Amino acid sequence: MSNNFPSVFVISLDFELHWGCFESRGLLEQDQLYFQNTRNVIPRKLDLVASEDIHVTWAAVGMLYNRNQEEWQNNKPTEIPAYDNAAVSSYEWINRNGFYSLEDPYHFAPHLINKIKQTPHQEIGTHTYSHYYCLEPGQTAEQFRLDLETACRLAEAQNIQLRSLVFPRNQFNQEYLTICKDMGITAVRSSPAIWYWKPATGSGFWKKFFRAGDAYLPIQPIRPVFLKDIDTRFLPLQLPASRLYRSWQPKYKLQNGFKLRRILNEMTEAARTGAYYHIWWHPHNFGNQPEECMKELEQILQHFRKLKRQFGMLSLNMHELSERLLNRTF
C-alpha cells in the first residue's frame, strides 16, 4: 500500500425514524409532522448526493424493512433484548403504545430503503434490527447476535448485503465485534477520540455540555485521523467519526454560522493534510427545519467539491473505505 494516502470524506447516517427517539418523543401531531418532513426530505437528499457524486452509508434500523405490523410481529427474534430498564426497549414501547396504523409510516420504510438502494454509491448498512443498546444492563451477547441475524436476513431478502454497522447511541461494545465479524460486518463506526464521546449507557450533564458546545466553538480540536493509522489487522475495521452535524436552529442564528464554519474548516484541514474526515447525523435531524438544513448540506457538499478539485479529496462510504484499506488499493 502506498504511503501517500489521499484525504477521504465519509458521511454516515443513522436512519431510524421513530425507532431512534421513542424514549424522548411521542407521536403527537407535531411529532408526526417531524417524521413526515423526514420522509419527504430523504428523496431530496438522495437526489442531492447523487448530483454531487457523494458516497454515503445509511445505517438503517432493521425494523424499517417491515411493511406492516404483521411482518414486524413475524420477524421478531426468538429472544429479544432483556434490558433491566424496560423503557429503552423498542419492543416494550410498542407493547405499551401500539403502532400508529397498519403500515405505520413512522416505523416502517421499505420504499425509502429501496430508493436508497437504487441511488448510486449509497451503501445500506445496519443500525442493528431493534435499535439495540449494546452497553445496556440486562441484554446479552446472544440476544445481540439474534438481533443482528434478523437485520441481516431481512436485508438479504432485498438483495442487500450488510457490511457496515453503526452502534445505536454510539454504544460501542468491543466484546461484540466478533459477532459483527461472524455476521459479515467489515466496518463499524467508532466514536471520536475525545473524553466526552466515550461510549456509555447515558450522558451526564458535562458530556452533553461539551458535546453541544464543541459543535460551535473549538473547545477541543478534533484529533486528525490518517488512513495509515487505521488498524487493518482485525475485522471489523473501526472507522472513527469526526463530527456530528447538528441541525439548523432558528433560535441559534449566530451559532449556526459558527457550526458550519467549524465543519468547513475541519474539512479543509483534512484535505490539506491528507487526513480522513467522517461526519454523521440522523435523517430525522432535518425534521424541524428541513429547508435550512438542506441549504447547509448543500454548502457542505459544495465545499467538498472545491476540496476534491483542489486537493483530490475522495468521497467514500464506509464499505468502500474498508475495502480499499483491506485490499491495499489506495
C-alpha atoms as a PDB file:
ATOM      1  CA  MET A   1       0.000   0.000   0.000  1.00  0.00           C
ATOM      2  CA  SER A   2       1.333   3.432  -0.886  1.00  0.00           C
ATOM      3  CA  ASN A   3       2.352   5.767   1.921  1.00  0.00           C
ATOM      4  CA  ASN A   4       0.744   8.619   0.019  1.00  0.00           C
ATOM      5  CA  PHE A   5      -2.835   8.307   1.176  1.00  0.00           C
ATOM      6  CA  PRO A   6      -5.470  10.640  -0.207  1.00  0.00           C
ATOM      7  CA  SER A   7      -7.745  12.664   2.013  1.00  0.00           C
ATOM      8  CA  VAL A   8     -11.137  10.987   2.394  1.00  0.00           C
ATOM      9  CA  PHE A   9     -14.575  12.400   3.188  1.00  0.00           C
ATOM     10  CA  VAL A  10     -17.077   9.953   4.719  1.00  0.00           C
ATOM     11  CA  ILE A  11     -20.745  10.517   5.560  1.00  0.00           C
ATOM     12  CA  SER A  12     -22.683   8.001   7.638  1.00  0.00           C
ATOM     13  CA  LEU A  13     -26.327   8.442   8.588  1.00  0.00           C
ATOM     14  CA  ASP A  14     -28.210   6.764  11.442  1.00  0.00           C
ATOM     15  CA  PHE A  15     -31.511   6.029   9.662  1.00  0.00           C
ATOM     16  CA  GLU A  16     -34.054   5.357  12.401  1.00  0.00           C
ATOM     17  CA  LEU A  17     -37.306   7.332  12.132  1.00  0.00           C
ATOM     18  CA  HIS A  18     -39.184   6.911  15.435  1.00  0.00           C
ATOM     19  CA  TRP A  19     -37.190   3.836  16.479  1.00  0.00           C
ATOM     20  CA  GLY A  20     -34.284   6.110  17.362  1.00  0.00           C
ATOM     21  CA  CYS A  21     -36.102   8.534  19.654  1.00  0.00           C
ATOM     22  CA  PHE A  22     -39.188   6.823  21.089  1.00  0.00           C
ATOM     23  CA  GLU A  23     -37.787   7.365  24.595  1.00  0.00           C
ATOM     24  CA  SER A  24     -37.980  11.142  24.254  1.00  0.00           C
ATOM     25  CA  ARG A  25     -40.532  11.796  21.503  1.00  0.00           C
ATOM     26  CA  GLY A  26     -44.074  10.519  21.137  1.00  0.00           C
ATOM     27  CA  LEU A  27     -46.293  10.646  18.090  1.00  0.00           C
ATOM     28  CA  LEU A  28     -48.384  13.730  18.744  1.00  0.00           C
ATOM     29  CA  GLU A  29     -49.386  15.916  15.813  1.00  0.00           C
ATOM     30  CA  GLN A  30     -46.142  17.918  15.868  1.00  0.00           C
ATOM     31  CA  ASP A  31     -44.139  14.682  16.043  1.00  0.00           C
ATOM     32  CA  GLN A  32     -45.989  13.261  13.056  1.00  0.00           C
ATOM     33  CA  LEU A  33     -45.097  16.386  11.071  1.00  0.00           C
ATOM     34  CA  TYR A  34     -41.475  15.989  12.166  1.00  0.00           C
ATOM     35  CA  PHE A  35     -41.240  12.455  10.784  1.00  0.00           C
ATOM     36  CA  GLN A  36     -43.275  13.276   7.682  1.00  0.00           C
ATOM     37  CA  ASN A  37     -40.778  16.061   6.943  1.00  0.00           C
ATOM     38  CA  THR A  38     -38.036  13.493   7.462  1.00  0.00           C
ATOM     39  CA  ARG A  39     -39.579  11.097   4.958  1.00  0.00           C
ATOM     40  CA  ASN A  40     -40.148  13.884   2.435  1.00  0.00           C
ATOM     41  CA  VAL A  41     -36.607  15.218   2.622  1.00  0.00           C
ATOM     42  CA  ILE A  42     -34.839  11.858   2.196  1.00  0.00           C
ATOM     43  CA  PRO A  43     -35.546  11.613  -1.581  1.00  0.00           C
ATOM     44  CA  ARG A  44     -34.332  15.212  -1.953  1.00  0.00           C
ATOM     45  CA  LYS A  45     -31.191  14.356  -0.032  1.00  0.00           C
ATOM     46  CA  LEU A  46     -30.610  11.343  -2.275  1.00  0.00           C
ATOM     47  CA  ASP A  47     -31.028  13.493  -5.393  1.00  0.00           C
ATOM     48  CA  LEU A  48     -28.542  15.992  -3.982  1.00  0.00           C
ATOM     49  CA  VAL A  49     -25.822  13.476  -3.093  1.00  0.00           C
ATOM     50  CA  ALA A  50     -26.289  11.753  -6.448  1.00  0.00           C
ATOM     51  CA  SER A  51     -25.883  15.054  -8.310  1.00  0.00           C
ATOM     52  CA  GLU A  52     -22.677  15.795  -6.371  1.00  0.00           C
ATOM     53  CA  ASP A  53     -21.372  12.187  -6.644  1.00  0.00           C
ATOM     54  CA  ILE A  54     -21.271  11.836  -2.848  1.00  0.00           C
ATOM     55  CA  HIS A  55     -20.962   8.341  -1.402  1.00  0.00           C
ATOM     56  CA  VAL A  56     -22.945   7.771   1.812  1.00  0.00           C
ATOM     57  CA  THR A  57     -23.541   4.951   4.276  1.00  0.00           C
ATOM     58  CA  TRP A  58     -27.140   4.744   5.524  1.00  0.00           C
ATOM     59  CA  ALA A  59     -27.089   2.656   8.706  1.00  0.00           C
ATOM     60  CA  ALA A  60     -30.746   1.603   8.808  1.00  0.00           C
ATOM     61  CA  VAL A  61     -32.627   0.166  11.770  1.00  0.00           C
ATOM     62  CA  GLY A  62     -33.700  -3.270  10.569  1.00  0.00           C
ATOM     63  CA  MET A  63     -37.304  -2.840  11.728  1.00  0.00           C
ATOM     64  CA  LEU A  64     -37.734  -0.283   8.937  1.00  0.00           C
ATOM     65  CA  TYR A  65     -37.660  -3.135   6.384  1.00  0.00           C
ATOM     66  CA  ASN A  66     -41.022  -4.414   7.614  1.00  0.00           C
ATOM     67  CA  ARG A  67     -44.044  -3.360   5.566  1.00  0.00           C
ATOM     68  CA  ASN A  68     -46.642  -3.648   8.298  1.00  0.00           C
ATOM     69  CA  GLN A  69     -47.469  -4.789  11.813  1.00  0.00           C
ATOM     70  CA  GLU A  70     -47.876  -8.416  10.793  1.00  0.00           C
ATOM     71  CA  GLU A  71     -44.388  -8.592   9.309  1.00  0.00           C
ATOM     72  CA  TRP A  72     -42.960  -6.855  12.366  1.00  0.00           C
ATOM     73  CA  GLN A  73     -44.601  -9.455  14.611  1.00  0.00           C
ATOM     74  CA  ASN A  74     -43.449 -12.369  12.453  1.00  0.00           C
ATOM     75  CA  ASN A  75     -39.862 -11.107  12.257  1.00  0.00           C
ATOM     76  CA  LYS A  76     -39.258 -10.874  15.995  1.00  0.00           C
ATOM     77  CA  PRO A  77     -36.099 -12.733  17.010  1.00  0.00           C
ATOM     78  CA  THR A  78     -36.658 -15.795  19.180  1.00  0.00           C
ATOM     79  CA  GLU A  79     -35.160 -13.842  22.075  1.00  0.00           C
ATOM     80  CA  ILE A  80     -35.415 -10.060  22.409  1.00  0.00           C
ATOM     81  CA  PRO A  81     -33.117  -7.815  24.499  1.00  0.00           C
ATOM     82  CA  ALA A  82     -33.865  -8.161  28.215  1.00  0.00           C
ATOM     83  CA  TYR A  83     -32.832  -4.679  29.327  1.00  0.00           C
ATOM     84  CA  ASP A  84     -33.061  -4.027  33.072  1.00  0.00           C
ATOM     85  CA  ASN A  85     -34.617  -0.704  32.093  1.00  0.00           C
ATOM     86  CA  ALA A  86     -37.640  -1.693  30.005  1.00  0.00           C
ATOM     87  CA  ALA A  87     -38.142   1.934  28.950  1.00  0.00           C
ATOM     88  CA  VAL A  88     -35.233   1.685  26.474  1.00  0.00           C
ATOM     89  CA  SER A  89     -36.750  -1.305  24.651  1.00  0.00           C
ATOM     90  CA  SER A  90     -38.408  -0.633  21.301  1.00  0.00           C
ATOM     91  CA  TYR A  91     -40.454  -3.801  21.811  1.00  0.00           C
ATOM     92  CA  GLU A  92     -41.734  -2.549  25.147  1.00  0.00           C
ATOM     93  CA  TRP A  93     -42.654   0.817  23.638  1.00  0.00           C
ATOM     94  CA  ILE A  94     -44.805  -0.907  21.012  1.00  0.00           C
ATOM     95  CA  ASN A  95     -46.339  -3.177  23.653  1.00  0.00           C
ATOM     96  CA  ARG A  96     -47.408  -0.109  25.611  1.00  0.00           C
ATOM     97  CA  ASN A  97     -48.353   2.247  22.800  1.00  0.00           C
ATOM     98  CA  GLY A  98     -49.063   0.150  19.740  1.00  0.00           C
ATOM     99  CA  PHE A  99     -48.463   1.171  16.127  1.00  0.00           C
ATOM    100  CA  TYR A 100     -49.931   4.311  14.604  1.00  0.00           C
ATOM    101  CA  SER A 101     -51.512   2.389  11.727  1.00  0.00           C
ATOM    102  CA  LEU A 102     -51.260  -0.912   9.858  1.00  0.00           C
ATOM    103  CA  GLU A 103     -48.469   0.362   7.567  1.00  0.00           C
ATOM    104  CA  ASP A 104     -47.131   2.784  10.157  1.00  0.00           C
ATOM    105  CA  PRO A 105     -45.026   5.428   8.292  1.00  0.00           C
ATOM    106  CA  TYR A 106     -43.115   6.327  11.455  1.00  0.00           C
ATOM    107  CA  HIS A 107     -41.820   2.790  11.997  1.00  0.00           C
ATOM    108  CA  PHE A 108     -41.783   1.153   8.556  1.00  0.00           C
ATOM    109  CA  ALA A 109     -39.964   2.456   5.474  1.00  0.00           C
ATOM    110  CA  PRO A 110     -39.269  -0.284   2.892  1.00  0.00           C
ATOM    111  CA  HIS A 111     -39.902   2.106  -0.015  1.00  0.00           C
ATOM    112  CA  LEU A 112     -37.304   4.562   1.294  1.00  0.00           C
ATOM    113  CA  ILE A 113     -34.805   1.756   1.781  1.00  0.00           C
ATOM    114  CA  ASN A 114     -35.392   0.703  -1.824  1.00  0.00           C
ATOM    115  CA  LYS A 115     -34.882   4.289  -3.022  1.00  0.00           C
ATOM    116  CA  ILE A 116     -31.573   4.434  -1.168  1.00  0.00           C
ATOM    117  CA  LYS A 117     -30.616   1.120  -2.749  1.00  0.00           C
ATOM    118  CA  GLN A 118     -31.382   2.479  -6.234  1.00  0.00           C
ATOM    119  CA  THR A 119     -29.257   5.629  -5.762  1.00  0.00           C
ATOM    120  CA  PRO A 120     -25.633   5.403  -6.987  1.00  0.00           C
ATOM    121  CA  HIS A 121     -22.865   4.994  -4.402  1.00  0.00           C
ATOM    122  CA  GLN A 122     -25.229   4.720  -1.435  1.00  0.00           C
ATOM    123  CA  GLU A 123     -24.433   1.895   0.958  1.00  0.00           C
ATOM    124  CA  ILE A 124     -27.160   0.455   3.159  1.00  0.00           C
ATOM    125  CA  GLY A 125     -25.536  -0.557   6.419  1.00  0.00           C
ATOM    126  CA  THR A 126     -27.147  -1.533   9.680  1.00  0.00           C
ATOM    127  CA  HIS A 127     -28.059   0.223  12.897  1.00  0.00           C
ATOM    128  CA  THR A 128     -28.996  -3.207  14.324  1.00  0.00           C
ATOM    129  CA  TYR A 129     -32.503  -4.620  13.981  1.00  0.00           C
ATOM    130  CA  SER A 130     -34.241  -3.093  17.003  1.00  0.00           C
ATOM    131  CA  HIS A 131     -32.023  -0.061  17.700  1.00  0.00           C
ATOM    132  CA  TYR A 132     -30.190  -2.355  20.084  1.00  0.00           C
ATOM    133  CA  TYR A 133     -28.308  -0.835  23.041  1.00  0.00           C
ATOM    134  CA  CYS A 134     -25.100  -2.819  23.317  1.00  0.00           C
ATOM    135  CA  LEU A 135     -23.980  -1.458  26.705  1.00  0.00           C
ATOM    136  CA  GLU A 136     -27.346  -1.519  28.445  1.00  0.00           C
ATOM    137  CA  PRO A 137     -27.511  -3.736  31.583  1.00  0.00           C
ATOM    138  CA  GLY A 138     -29.553  -6.889  31.169  1.00  0.00           C
ATOM    139  CA  GLN A 139     -29.017  -7.611  27.470  1.00  0.00           C
ATOM    140  CA  THR A 140     -26.669 -10.399  26.416  1.00  0.00           C
ATOM    141  CA  ALA A 141     -24.295 -11.209  23.600  1.00  0.00           C
ATOM    142  CA  GLU A 142     -26.628 -13.955  22.363  1.00  0.00           C
ATOM    143  CA  GLN A 143     -29.533 -11.504  22.206  1.00  0.00           C
ATOM    144  CA  PHE A 144     -27.355  -9.144  20.191  1.00  0.00           C
ATOM    145  CA  ARG A 145     -26.424 -11.976  17.815  1.00  0.00           C
ATOM    146  CA  LEU A 146     -30.088 -12.855  17.247  1.00  0.00           C
ATOM    147  CA  ASP A 147     -30.911  -9.196  16.668  1.00  0.00           C
ATOM    148  CA  LEU A 148     -28.143  -8.771  14.095  1.00  0.00           C
ATOM    149  CA  GLU A 149     -29.041 -12.052  12.395  1.00  0.00           C
ATOM    150  CA  THR A 150     -32.568 -10.712  11.912  1.00  0.00           C
ATOM    151  CA  ALA A 151     -31.267  -7.477  10.382  1.00  0.00           C
ATOM    152  CA  CYS A 152     -29.037  -9.441   8.004  1.00  0.00           C
ATOM    153  CA  ARG A 153     -31.837 -11.807   6.995  1.00  0.00           C
ATOM    154  CA  LEU A 154     -34.274  -9.016   6.110  1.00  0.00           C
ATOM    155  CA  ALA A 155     -31.583  -7.151   4.185  1.00  0.00           C
ATOM    156  CA  GLU A 156     -30.615 -10.279   2.225  1.00  0.00           C
ATOM    157  CA  ALA A 157     -34.251 -10.754   1.238  1.00  0.00           C
ATOM    158  CA  GLN A 158     -33.919  -7.393  -0.553  1.00  0.00           C
ATOM    159  CA  ASN A 159     -30.565  -8.376  -2.117  1.00  0.00           C
ATOM    160  CA  ILE A 160     -28.699  -6.133   0.316  1.00  0.00           C
ATOM    161  CA  GLN A 161     -25.549  -7.431   1.981  1.00  0.00           C
ATOM    162  CA  LEU A 162     -24.819  -5.648   5.228  1.00  0.00           C
ATOM    163  CA  ARG A 163     -21.144  -4.748   5.551  1.00  0.00           C
ATOM    164  CA  SER A 164     -21.105  -1.702   7.827  1.00  0.00           C
ATOM    165  CA  LEU A 165     -22.582  -1.182  11.283  1.00  0.00           C
ATOM    166  CA  VAL A 166     -23.215   1.832  13.489  1.00  0.00           C
ATOM    167  CA  PHE A 167     -23.937   1.090  17.147  1.00  0.00           C
ATOM    168  CA  PRO A 168     -27.123   2.848  18.336  1.00  0.00           C
ATOM    169  CA  ARG A 169     -26.404   5.754  20.679  1.00  0.00           C
ATOM    170  CA  ASN A 170     -22.773   5.059  19.773  1.00  0.00           C
ATOM    171  CA  GLN A 171     -22.763   2.371  22.489  1.00  0.00           C
ATOM    172  CA  PHE A 172     -19.645   0.780  21.043  1.00  0.00           C
ATOM    173  CA  ASN A 173     -19.179  -2.655  22.598  1.00  0.00           C
ATOM    174  CA  GLN A 174     -15.729  -4.082  21.955  1.00  0.00           C
ATOM    175  CA  GLU A 175     -16.865  -7.537  23.058  1.00  0.00           C
ATOM    176  CA  TYR A 176     -19.498  -7.683  20.285  1.00  0.00           C
ATOM    177  CA  LEU A 177     -17.076  -7.116  17.422  1.00  0.00           C
ATOM    178  CA  THR A 178     -16.564 -10.862  16.943  1.00  0.00           C
ATOM    179  CA  ILE A 179     -20.317 -11.268  16.473  1.00  0.00           C
ATOM    180  CA  CYS A 180     -20.267  -8.464  13.913  1.00  0.00           C
ATOM    181  CA  LYS A 181     -17.460 -10.217  12.057  1.00  0.00           C
ATOM    182  CA  ASP A 182     -19.375 -13.513  12.105  1.00  0.00           C
ATOM    183  CA  MET A 183     -22.340 -11.715  10.511  1.00  0.00           C
ATOM    184  CA  GLY A 184     -20.178 -10.387   7.656  1.00  0.00           C
ATOM    185  CA  ILE A 185     -19.675  -6.873   9.016  1.00  0.00           C
ATOM    186  CA  THR A 186     -16.322  -5.490   7.887  1.00  0.00           C
ATOM    187  CA  ALA A 187     -16.553  -1.922   9.238  1.00  0.00           C
ATOM    188  CA  VAL A 188     -18.033  -0.268  12.306  1.00  0.00           C
ATOM    189  CA  ARG A 189     -18.141   3.394  13.199  1.00  0.00           C
ATOM    190  CA  SER A 190     -16.361   4.263  16.412  1.00  0.00           C
ATOM    191  CA  SER A 191     -16.641   7.461  18.443  1.00  0.00           C
ATOM    192  CA  PRO A 192     -14.328  10.475  18.227  1.00  0.00           C
ATOM    193  CA  ALA A 193     -11.243  10.111  20.404  1.00  0.00           C
ATOM    194  CA  ILE A 194     -12.417  12.741  22.903  1.00  0.00           C
ATOM    195  CA  TRP A 195     -13.478  12.017  26.503  1.00  0.00           C
ATOM    196  CA  TYR A 196     -16.997  13.412  26.140  1.00  0.00           C
ATOM    197  CA  TRP A 197     -17.723  10.997  23.261  1.00  0.00           C
ATOM    198  CA  LYS A 198     -16.610   7.945  25.240  1.00  0.00           C
ATOM    199  CA  PRO A 199     -19.245   5.194  24.836  1.00  0.00           C
ATOM    200  CA  ALA A 200     -21.614   4.885  27.792  1.00  0.00           C
ATOM    201  CA  THR A 201     -25.208   3.958  28.560  1.00  0.00           C
ATOM    202  CA  GLY A 202     -26.029   7.576  29.346  1.00  0.00           C
ATOM    203  CA  SER A 203     -24.594  11.065  29.033  1.00  0.00           C
ATOM    204  CA  GLY A 204     -24.160  13.216  32.100  1.00  0.00           C
ATOM    205  CA  PHE A 205     -24.539  16.977  32.118  1.00  0.00           C
ATOM    206  CA  TRP A 206     -20.906  17.776  31.391  1.00  0.00           C
ATOM    207  CA  LYS A 207     -20.675  15.341  28.482  1.00  0.00           C
ATOM    208  CA  LYS A 208     -23.781  16.862  26.897  1.00  0.00           C
ATOM    209  CA  PHE A 209     -22.498  20.363  27.614  1.00  0.00           C
ATOM    210  CA  PHE A 210     -19.144  19.788  25.930  1.00  0.00           C
ATOM    211  CA  ARG A 211     -20.635  17.841  23.021  1.00  0.00           C
ATOM    212  CA  ALA A 212     -23.021  20.681  22.270  1.00  0.00           C
ATOM    213  CA  GLY A 213     -20.518  23.469  22.826  1.00  0.00           C
ATOM    214  CA  ASP A 214     -17.821  21.829  20.737  1.00  0.00           C
ATOM    215  CA  ALA A 215     -20.132  21.853  17.708  1.00  0.00           C
ATOM    216  CA  TYR A 216     -19.887  25.646  17.618  1.00  0.00           C
ATOM    217  CA  LEU A 217     -16.608  26.608  19.309  1.00  0.00           C
ATOM    218  CA  PRO A 218     -13.156  24.975  19.288  1.00  0.00           C
ATOM    219  CA  ILE A 219     -13.398  23.705  22.873  1.00  0.00           C
ATOM    220  CA  GLN A 220     -11.152  20.809  21.937  1.00  0.00           C
ATOM    221  CA  PRO A 221      -9.885  20.458  18.376  1.00  0.00           C
ATOM    222  CA  ILE A 222     -10.634  17.084  16.830  1.00  0.00           C
ATOM    223  CA  ARG A 223      -7.666  14.785  16.631  1.00  0.00           C
ATOM    224  CA  PRO A 224      -6.895  14.252  12.933  1.00  0.00           C
ATOM    225  CA  VAL A 225      -7.111  10.664  11.733  1.00  0.00           C
ATOM    226  CA  PHE A 226      -4.889   9.401   8.931  1.00  0.00           C
ATOM    227  CA  LEU A 227      -5.720   6.274   6.983  1.00  0.00           C
ATOM    228  CA  LYS A 228      -2.305   4.788   7.732  1.00  0.00           C
ATOM    229  CA  ASP A 229      -3.261   4.775  11.423  1.00  0.00           C
ATOM    230  CA  ILE A 230      -6.445   2.707  10.985  1.00  0.00           C
ATOM    231  CA  ASP A 231      -5.687  -0.829  12.177  1.00  0.00           C
ATOM    232  CA  THR A 232      -6.427  -3.299   9.372  1.00  0.00           C
ATOM    233  CA  ARG A 233      -5.276  -6.428  11.214  1.00  0.00           C
ATOM    234  CA  PHE A 234      -8.654  -7.243  12.718  1.00  0.00           C
ATOM    235  CA  LEU A 235     -12.204  -7.269  11.421  1.00  0.00           C
ATOM    236  CA  PRO A 236     -14.364  -5.345  11.521  1.00  0.00           C
ATOM    237  CA  LEU A 237     -12.299  -2.220  10.893  1.00  0.00           C
ATOM    238  CA  GLN A 238     -13.006   0.620  13.281  1.00  0.00           C
ATOM    239  CA  LEU A 239     -13.651   3.835  11.365  1.00  0.00           C
ATOM    240  CA  PRO A 240     -13.719   6.732  13.823  1.00  0.00           C
ATOM    241  CA  ALA A 241     -16.255   9.516  13.488  1.00  0.00           C
ATOM    242  CA  SER A 242     -15.039  13.103  13.358  1.00  0.00           C
ATOM    243  CA  ARG A 243     -18.034  15.401  13.729  1.00  0.00           C
ATOM    244  CA  LEU A 244     -21.765  15.235  14.428  1.00  0.00           C
ATOM    245  CA  TYR A 245     -23.708  17.638  12.221  1.00  0.00           C
ATOM    246  CA  ARG A 246     -26.236  19.481  14.384  1.00  0.00           C
ATOM    247  CA  SER A 247     -29.357  20.700  12.637  1.00  0.00           C
ATOM    248  CA  TRP A 248     -30.100  24.350  11.904  1.00  0.00           C
ATOM    249  CA  GLN A 249     -31.842  26.012  14.839  1.00  0.00           C
ATOM    250  CA  PRO A 250     -33.927  29.204  14.433  1.00  0.00           C
ATOM    251  CA  LYS A 251     -33.012  30.489  17.915  1.00  0.00           C
ATOM    252  CA  TYR A 252     -29.278  29.994  17.285  1.00  0.00           C
ATOM    253  CA  LYS A 253     -28.781  32.013  14.106  1.00  0.00           C
ATOM    254  CA  LEU A 254     -25.295  33.187  15.082  1.00  0.00           C
ATOM    255  CA  GLN A 255     -24.303  29.746  16.379  1.00  0.00           C
ATOM    256  CA  ASN A 256     -25.479  28.137  13.143  1.00  0.00           C
ATOM    257  CA  GLY A 257     -22.815  30.096  11.323  1.00  0.00           C
ATOM    258  CA  PHE A 258     -20.147  29.083  13.845  1.00  0.00           C
ATOM    259  CA  LYS A 259     -21.121  25.424  13.486  1.00  0.00           C
ATOM    260  CA  LEU A 260     -20.987  25.431   9.691  1.00  0.00           C
ATOM    261  CA  ARG A 261     -17.681  27.307   9.658  1.00  0.00           C
ATOM    262  CA  ARG A 262     -16.243  24.749  12.077  1.00  0.00           C
ATOM    263  CA  ILE A 263     -17.228  21.855   9.797  1.00  0.00           C
ATOM    264  CA  LEU A 264     -15.910  23.529   6.639  1.00  0.00           C
ATOM    265  CA  ASN A 265     -12.629  24.471   8.307  1.00  0.00           C
ATOM    266  CA  GLU A 266     -12.147  20.916   9.564  1.00  0.00           C
ATOM    267  CA  MET A 267     -12.860  19.536   6.105  1.00  0.00           C
ATOM    268  CA  THR A 268     -10.304  21.907   4.621  1.00  0.00           C
ATOM    269  CA  GLU A 269      -7.663  20.924   7.157  1.00  0.00           C
ATOM    270  CA  ALA A 270      -8.279  17.227   6.493  1.00  0.00           C
ATOM    271  CA  ALA A 271      -7.998  17.749   2.729  1.00  0.00           C
ATOM    272  CA  ARG A 272      -4.875  19.877   3.091  1.00  0.00           C
ATOM    273  CA  THR A 273      -3.062  17.373   5.328  1.00  0.00           C
ATOM    274  CA  GLY A 274      -4.247  14.168   3.643  1.00  0.00           C
ATOM    275  CA  ALA A 275      -6.417  13.129   6.590  1.00  0.00           C
ATOM    276  CA  TYR A 276      -9.781  11.426   6.926  1.00  0.00           C
ATOM    277  CA  TYR A 277     -12.971  13.306   7.889  1.00  0.00           C
ATOM    278  CA  HIS A 278     -16.123  11.447   8.906  1.00  0.00           C
ATOM    279  CA  ILE A 279     -19.336  13.378   9.539  1.00  0.00           C
ATOM    280  CA  TRP A 280     -22.602  11.848  10.721  1.00  0.00           C
ATOM    281  CA  TRP A 281     -26.174  12.724  11.659  1.00  0.00           C
ATOM    282  CA  HIS A 282     -29.683  11.265  11.691  1.00  0.00           C
ATOM    283  CA  PRO A 283     -32.040  11.897   8.748  1.00  0.00           C
ATOM    284  CA  HIS A 284     -34.708  12.916  11.257  1.00  0.00           C
ATOM    285  CA  ASN A 285     -32.449  15.768  12.392  1.00  0.00           C
ATOM    286  CA  PHE A 286     -33.809  17.585   9.325  1.00  0.00           C
ATOM    287  CA  GLY A 287     -37.401  17.119  10.525  1.00  0.00           C
ATOM    288  CA  ASN A 288     -37.958  20.509  12.161  1.00  0.00           C
ATOM    289  CA  GLN A 289     -36.194  22.820   9.716  1.00  0.00           C
ATOM    290  CA  PRO A 290     -35.799  20.816   6.501  1.00  0.00           C
ATOM    291  CA  GLU A 291     -35.200  23.753   4.141  1.00  0.00           C
ATOM    292  CA  GLU A 292     -32.494  25.377   6.265  1.00  0.00           C
ATOM    293  CA  CYS A 293     -30.810  22.022   6.928  1.00  0.00           C
ATOM    294  CA  MET A 294     -30.806  21.213   3.222  1.00  0.00           C
ATOM    295  CA  LYS A 295     -29.173  24.562   2.486  1.00  0.00           C
ATOM    296  CA  GLU A 296     -26.426  23.784   4.993  1.00  0.00           C
ATOM    297  CA  LEU A 297     -25.921  20.343   3.474  1.00  0.00           C
ATOM    298  CA  GLU A 298     -25.629  21.922   0.040  1.00  0.00           C
ATOM    299  CA  GLN A 299     -22.891  24.225   1.365  1.00  0.00           C
ATOM    300  CA  ILE A 300     -21.019  21.274   2.882  1.00  0.00           C
ATOM    301  CA  LEU A 301     -21.169  19.307  -0.368  1.00  0.00           C
ATOM    302  CA  GLN A 302     -20.201  22.338  -2.462  1.00  0.00           C
ATOM    303  CA  HIS A 303     -17.203  22.788  -0.178  1.00  0.00           C
ATOM    304  CA  PHE A 304     -16.280  19.144  -0.696  1.00  0.00           C
ATOM    305  CA  ARG A 305     -16.417  19.700  -4.461  1.00  0.00           C
ATOM    306  CA  LYS A 306     -13.901  22.530  -4.040  1.00  0.00           C
ATOM    307  CA  LEU A 307     -11.620  20.343  -1.888  1.00  0.00           C
ATOM    308  CA  LYS A 308     -11.864  17.491  -4.373  1.00  0.00           C
ATOM    309  CA  ARG A 309     -10.763  19.825  -7.148  1.00  0.00           C
ATOM    310  CA  GLN A 310      -8.015  21.482  -5.119  1.00  0.00           C
ATOM    311  CA  PHE A 311      -6.605  18.557  -3.096  1.00  0.00           C
ATOM    312  CA  GLY A 312      -8.024  15.416  -4.682  1.00  0.00           C
ATOM    313  CA  MET A 313     -10.212  14.593  -1.694  1.00  0.00           C
ATOM    314  CA  LEU A 314     -12.250  11.409  -2.174  1.00  0.00           C
ATOM    315  CA  SER A 315     -15.842  10.687  -1.188  1.00  0.00           C
ATOM    316  CA  LEU A 316     -16.219   7.097   0.029  1.00  0.00           C
ATOM    317  CA  ASN A 317     -18.866   5.277   2.015  1.00  0.00           C
ATOM    318  CA  MET A 318     -17.799   3.082   4.930  1.00  0.00           C
ATOM    319  CA  HIS A 319     -17.735  -0.150   2.934  1.00  0.00           C
ATOM    320  CA  GLU A 320     -15.756   1.384   0.076  1.00  0.00           C
ATOM    321  CA  LEU A 321     -13.193   2.767   2.504  1.00  0.00           C
ATOM    322  CA  SER A 322     -12.826  -0.522   4.374  1.00  0.00           C
ATOM    323  CA  GLU A 323     -12.465  -2.440   1.095  1.00  0.00           C
ATOM    324  CA  ARG A 324      -9.723  -0.125  -0.114  1.00  0.00           C
ATOM    325  CA  LEU A 325      -7.884  -0.406   3.180  1.00  0.00           C
ATOM    326  CA  LEU A 326      -8.181  -4.180   3.307  1.00  0.00           C
ATOM    327  CA  ASN A 327      -7.269  -4.691  -0.351  1.00  0.00           C
ATOM    328  CA  ARG A 328      -4.495  -2.075  -0.269  1.00  0.00           C
ATOM    329  CA  THR A 329      -5.865  -0.274  -3.294  1.00  0.00           C
ATOM    330  CA  PHE A 330      -5.054   3.317  -2.395  1.00  0.00           C
END
